[in-house]
Protein backbone atom coordinates (compact mmCIF):
# COMPACT_ATOMS: atom_id res chain seq x y z
CA MET A 1 21.02 -14.92 9.98
CA LEU A 2 18.99 -11.33 11.21
CA GLU A 3 17.28 -13.37 13.99
CA ASN A 4 20.27 -13.91 15.12
CA GLN A 5 22.04 -10.52 15.33
CA PRO A 6 20.58 -8.67 18.81
CA ASP A 7 20.08 -4.77 17.40
CA SER A 8 20.62 -5.08 13.91
CA PRO A 9 18.32 -2.52 12.26
CA VAL A 10 16.22 -3.42 8.62
CA TYR A 11 15.41 -1.19 6.18
CA LEU A 12 11.82 -0.84 4.76
CA LEU A 13 11.81 1.50 1.12
CA VAL A 14 8.35 2.22 0.19
CA ALA A 15 6.81 4.64 -2.00
CA GLY A 16 10.23 6.15 -1.79
CA TYR A 17 10.08 6.63 2.31
CA LYS A 18 12.81 4.32 3.75
CA ILE A 19 11.39 2.93 7.46
CA LYS A 20 14.36 1.58 9.89
CA ILE A 21 13.35 -0.81 11.96
CA THR A 22 15.53 -2.39 14.78
CA PHE A 23 15.19 -5.98 16.49
CA GLY A 24 16.25 -5.11 20.06
CA SER A 25 17.09 -7.97 21.83
CA ALA A 26 15.14 -10.72 24.34
CA ASP A 27 14.95 -13.09 26.32
CA PHE A 28 12.60 -14.94 25.06
CA ARG A 29 13.98 -15.40 21.87
CA PHE A 30 11.39 -17.60 20.27
CA PHE A 31 9.32 -15.09 19.98
CA ARG A 32 11.52 -12.81 18.67
CA LYS A 33 12.95 -15.15 15.89
CA LYS A 34 9.47 -16.45 15.09
CA PHE A 35 8.15 -12.46 14.06
CA ILE A 36 11.29 -11.50 12.71
CA THR A 37 11.00 -14.92 10.65
CA GLU A 38 7.58 -13.79 9.70
CA PHE A 39 8.87 -10.24 8.96
CA THR A 40 11.30 -11.37 6.50
CA SER A 41 9.28 -13.81 4.56
CA LEU A 42 6.40 -11.17 4.20
CA TYR A 43 8.49 -8.07 3.29
CA SER A 44 11.34 -9.72 0.98
CA GLY A 45 10.69 -7.15 -1.61
CA PHE A 46 10.99 -4.07 0.57
CA ILE A 47 13.95 -4.85 2.24
CA THR A 48 16.76 -2.71 1.22
CA LYS A 49 20.64 -1.53 2.46
CA ASN A 50 21.17 1.23 3.84
CA ASN A 51 22.99 3.72 2.15
CA ASN A 52 23.15 6.05 4.51
CA SER A 53 20.44 8.39 3.57
CA ASN A 54 18.26 10.21 5.86
CA THR A 55 15.26 8.24 7.43
CA SER A 56 11.59 8.64 7.15
CA TYR A 57 10.50 7.18 10.32
CA GLU A 58 11.68 4.30 12.66
CA ILE A 59 9.72 1.18 14.77
CA ILE A 60 12.10 -0.33 17.30
CA PHE A 61 11.20 -3.59 18.51
CA THR A 62 11.60 -4.67 22.55
CA GLU A 63 10.67 -7.07 24.89
CA LYS A 64 7.71 -6.20 27.08
CA PRO A 65 7.80 -8.74 30.50
CA ILE A 66 4.65 -7.21 31.60
CA ILE A 67 2.07 -6.64 28.85
CA LYS A 68 -0.02 -3.61 29.70
CA THR A 69 -3.66 -3.67 28.78
CA LEU A 70 -6.59 -1.55 28.95
CA ARG A 71 -10.82 -1.99 29.74
CA ASN A 72 -13.38 -0.43 28.84
CA LYS A 73 -16.34 0.01 30.79
CA LYS A 74 -17.70 -3.33 28.81
CA LYS A 75 -15.11 -5.32 30.11
CA GLU A 76 -13.16 -5.28 27.16
CA GLN A 77 -9.33 -5.82 27.34
CA PHE A 78 -6.67 -4.08 24.81
CA ILE A 79 -3.58 -4.65 24.27
CA VAL A 80 -1.25 -1.66 24.23
CA TYR A 81 0.29 -2.45 21.12
CA PHE A 82 2.51 0.12 19.99
CA GLU A 83 3.84 3.55 21.63
CA GLN A 84 4.70 6.95 19.84
CA LEU A 85 7.79 7.41 21.27
CA ASN A 86 8.06 11.15 19.32
CA ASN A 87 6.52 12.38 15.75
CA LYS A 88 9.15 10.06 13.97
CA ILE A 89 9.60 6.92 16.07
CA ILE A 90 7.06 4.25 17.07
CA ARG A 91 8.26 1.52 20.09
CA THR A 92 6.30 -1.87 19.63
CA PHE A 93 6.70 -5.56 21.08
CA TYR A 94 7.34 -9.17 20.05
CA HIS A 95 4.34 -10.37 21.42
CA ILE A 96 1.91 -7.94 18.51
CA SER A 97 0.72 -10.32 15.60
CA ILE A 98 2.28 -9.38 12.33
CA PHE A 99 -1.16 -8.28 11.44
CA GLN A 100 -0.66 -5.81 14.51
CA PHE A 101 2.22 -4.30 12.52
CA GLN A 102 0.20 -3.51 9.50
CA LEU A 103 -1.73 -1.69 11.26
CA ILE A 104 1.86 0.11 12.51
CA LEU A 105 2.80 0.37 8.88
CA LYS A 106 -0.37 1.43 7.52
CA TYR A 107 -0.14 4.03 9.90
CA ILE A 108 3.03 5.43 9.16
CA ILE A 109 2.22 5.08 5.58
CA LEU A 110 -0.40 7.38 5.31
CA LYS A 111 1.40 10.00 7.93
CA LEU A 112 4.29 10.17 5.36
CA LEU A 113 2.19 10.45 2.18
CA LYS A 114 0.22 13.60 3.94
CA ASN A 115 1.91 16.22 1.01
CA SER A 116 2.45 13.68 -1.19
CA GLY A 117 0.19 10.97 -2.25
CA PHE A 118 -2.66 8.78 -1.20
CA VAL A 119 -3.37 5.04 -0.83
CA LEU A 120 -5.73 3.69 -3.41
CA HIS A 121 -8.16 0.30 -3.12
CA ALA A 122 -7.22 -1.21 -6.76
CA SER A 123 -5.39 -3.86 -8.82
CA ALA A 124 -2.94 -2.67 -11.23
CA SER A 125 -1.02 -4.74 -13.90
CA ILE A 126 1.98 -3.11 -16.23
CA ILE A 127 1.50 -2.96 -19.90
CA ASN A 128 3.68 -1.49 -21.60
CA ASN A 129 6.45 0.09 -18.67
CA LYS A 130 3.32 1.54 -17.21
CA ALA A 131 0.76 1.49 -14.52
CA PHE A 132 -2.80 0.20 -15.58
CA ILE A 133 -4.77 0.82 -12.21
CA PHE A 134 -8.40 -0.99 -11.89
CA THR A 135 -10.80 0.43 -8.60
CA GLY A 136 -14.29 0.55 -7.56
CA PRO A 137 -16.41 -1.11 -5.07
CA LYS A 138 -15.81 -4.07 -2.65
CA ASN A 139 -16.38 -7.29 -4.64
CA ILE A 140 -16.30 -5.82 -8.26
CA GLY A 141 -13.38 -7.43 -10.00
CA LYS A 142 -10.34 -6.12 -9.46
CA SER A 143 -8.55 -9.04 -8.21
CA THR A 144 -10.13 -11.01 -10.95
CA THR A 145 -9.50 -8.05 -13.60
CA VAL A 146 -5.26 -8.58 -13.01
CA ARG A 147 -5.41 -12.43 -12.73
CA LEU A 148 -7.37 -13.24 -15.86
CA LEU A 149 -4.69 -10.21 -17.58
CA ASN A 150 -1.21 -12.15 -15.80
CA SER A 151 -0.78 -14.33 -18.21
CA LYS A 152 0.13 -11.58 -20.37
CA PHE A 153 0.84 -8.53 -18.15
CA LYS A 154 2.30 -8.72 -14.94
CA ALA A 155 0.21 -7.93 -11.59
CA ILE A 156 2.04 -5.66 -9.38
CA ALA A 157 -1.18 -5.35 -7.03
CA ASP A 158 -4.86 -6.62 -6.32
CA ASP A 159 -6.15 -4.52 -3.48
CA SER A 160 -4.14 -1.61 -2.97
CA VAL A 161 -1.58 0.67 -4.89
CA ILE A 162 -0.25 3.87 -2.81
CA ILE A 163 -0.48 6.88 -6.11
CA LYS A 164 2.44 9.38 -5.00
CA LYS A 165 4.21 13.28 -6.45
CA GLU A 166 7.54 13.14 -7.41
CA LYS A 167 9.35 16.25 -7.24
CA GLU A 168 12.30 15.84 -9.20
CA SER A 169 9.53 15.23 -12.32
CA ASN A 170 6.26 16.66 -11.06
CA ASN A 171 4.93 13.34 -11.99
CA PHE A 172 2.61 10.78 -10.04
CA PHE A 173 3.89 7.09 -9.88
CA CYS A 174 2.85 3.90 -8.61
CA TYR A 175 3.76 1.92 -6.09
CA GLN A 176 3.31 -1.46 -4.74
CA THR A 177 2.02 -1.01 -0.87
CA PRO A 178 3.81 -3.69 1.87
CA PHE A 179 0.09 -4.52 3.12
CA LEU A 180 -1.01 -8.29 2.62
CA GLU A 181 -3.57 -8.55 0.34
CA LYS A 182 -5.38 -11.92 -1.30
CA GLU A 183 -3.28 -12.62 -4.29
CA TYR A 184 -0.17 -14.15 -2.22
CA TRP A 185 1.46 -14.69 -5.35
CA ILE A 186 1.87 -10.88 -7.12
CA LYS A 187 5.63 -10.34 -6.22
CA LYS A 188 6.00 -7.15 -4.41
CA SER A 189 9.55 -4.56 -4.88
CA THR A 190 10.43 -0.88 -4.28
CA ASN A 191 9.79 -0.79 -8.08
CA LYS A 192 7.80 2.92 -9.60
CA TYR A 193 5.53 2.98 -12.71
CA LEU A 194 4.29 6.13 -14.09
CA ILE A 195 0.52 5.46 -14.46
CA SER A 196 -0.96 5.28 -17.71
CA LYS A 197 -4.76 4.63 -17.20
CA ILE A 198 -6.90 4.19 -14.46
CA PHE A 199 -9.98 2.23 -14.92
CA PHE A 200 -13.71 2.06 -12.34
CA LEU A 201 -15.02 -1.19 -12.71
CA ASP A 202 -18.42 -1.43 -14.09
CA CYS A 203 -20.51 -3.55 -16.18
CA LYS A 204 -24.35 -1.68 -16.62
CA TYR A 205 -22.01 -0.20 -20.34
CA LYS A 206 -22.43 -2.51 -23.19
CA SER A 207 -18.94 -0.88 -24.42
CA LEU A 208 -16.04 -2.98 -23.39
CA ILE A 209 -14.70 0.69 -22.08
CA LYS A 210 -15.81 4.64 -21.63
CA MET A 211 -13.70 7.03 -20.69
CA ILE A 212 -15.04 9.70 -17.82
CA LYS A 213 -14.01 13.72 -18.25
CA ASN A 214 -16.35 15.22 -15.82
CA LYS A 215 -13.71 16.18 -13.09
CA LYS A 216 -17.03 16.15 -10.63
CA THR A 217 -17.85 12.61 -11.32
CA ILE A 218 -13.41 11.26 -11.25
CA ILE A 219 -13.27 12.99 -7.97
CA SER A 220 -16.32 11.20 -6.16
CA LEU A 221 -15.22 7.81 -7.71
CA LEU A 222 -11.55 8.31 -6.68
CA ILE A 223 -12.37 9.41 -3.15
CA ASN A 224 -14.73 6.94 -2.77
CA GLN A 225 -12.12 4.03 -2.92
CA THR A 226 -8.91 5.81 -1.03
CA LEU A 227 -8.15 4.73 2.33
CA LEU A 228 -8.33 7.86 4.23
CA PRO A 229 -6.83 8.39 7.90
CA ASP A 230 -7.45 10.46 10.63
CA LYS A 231 -9.45 13.18 10.22
CA GLU A 232 -6.69 15.82 11.01
CA ARG A 233 -4.62 14.14 7.39
CA SER A 234 -7.61 12.96 5.66
CA LYS A 235 -8.30 16.63 4.46
CA LEU A 236 -4.41 17.13 3.49
CA GLN A 237 -4.87 13.53 1.27
CA LEU A 238 -7.94 14.74 0.20
CA LYS A 239 -6.26 17.82 -1.31
CA ARG A 240 -3.65 15.40 -3.17
CA VAL A 241 -6.76 13.37 -4.87
CA LEU A 242 -8.23 16.63 -6.05
CA GLU A 243 -4.28 17.54 -7.04
CA PHE A 244 -4.06 14.34 -8.82
CA THR A 245 -7.77 14.98 -10.82
CA GLY A 246 -6.17 18.28 -11.74
CA TYR A 247 -2.92 16.67 -13.22
CA PHE A 248 -4.33 13.38 -14.77
CA ASP A 249 -6.76 12.75 -17.63
CA ASN A 250 -6.66 9.25 -18.59
CA PHE A 251 -10.00 7.90 -16.36
CA TYR A 252 -12.36 5.32 -17.79
CA TYR A 253 -15.11 3.27 -16.52
CA LEU A 254 -14.53 -0.45 -17.66
CA ASN A 255 -16.68 -3.44 -18.11
CA HIS A 256 -14.89 -5.66 -17.20
CA TYR A 257 -17.47 -8.79 -17.79
CA ASP A 258 -16.22 -8.36 -20.92
CA ASN A 259 -14.44 -11.55 -22.89
CA HIS A 260 -10.84 -11.86 -21.16
CA GLU A 261 -9.26 -11.52 -24.52
CA ARG A 262 -10.63 -9.27 -25.80
CA LEU A 263 -9.99 -6.70 -22.89
CA THR A 264 -6.33 -8.23 -22.84
CA LYS A 265 -6.03 -7.03 -27.16
CA TYR A 266 -7.70 -3.66 -26.40
CA LEU A 267 -5.98 -3.10 -23.23
CA SER A 268 -2.07 -3.47 -25.19
CA LYS A 269 -2.85 -1.02 -27.81
CA LEU A 270 -3.78 1.75 -24.85
CA VAL A 271 -0.87 3.03 -24.43
């Protein structure tokens, strides 16, 4: 069992990036075991074997007997939950929560994507082995859309996807994120999917689907749903959004409140 192996490294493969995670030994073994059990359950779809290829980033878990805290003028206290050792290694501690670990993962993934892609707030389904992506503002129906389609088309995301350009093929692909989502029934994996269509959910159109041809409109809609990091890296990822919109043309408005049987039938014809 992983929790009984001191200093045993685990590798997560996310959007083609390998993240090495080392679980150091700890005197308080209960907290180490508890965290590793939760980690293994949540990220099993991304755990991969070490094939001796270079790792993109590393996270080292250690025990922190004395927990350092920061205090501001309002007398609010904050626990230090990770340390940046260098530009590719982070040290963190067993006292953090799985939610705080999520923040670390987001920080790393956004950093790795700065020259290759971006994270989009979206849900997605697989139709004819290609990704159909559904995006839009909060509570617009992203989760509902993939849930309705799931009887026929496999759902791969309900809150976020990674859109990344691969150098070998010069194509953009859709990857699942390791982030916690609303729908726990969606199975995660390291697979990549060629993108077929991107739909902006909107119920103000009478027609079921309407193609968007104006690139300025598309760029504005995409940027509004892109998860951006700090100001410096946001500029780089905005460039990736512009690059993607210049490369990809299949953008649509989708009236997702239309009869879902009609929607399922119509989408199955769009390849």
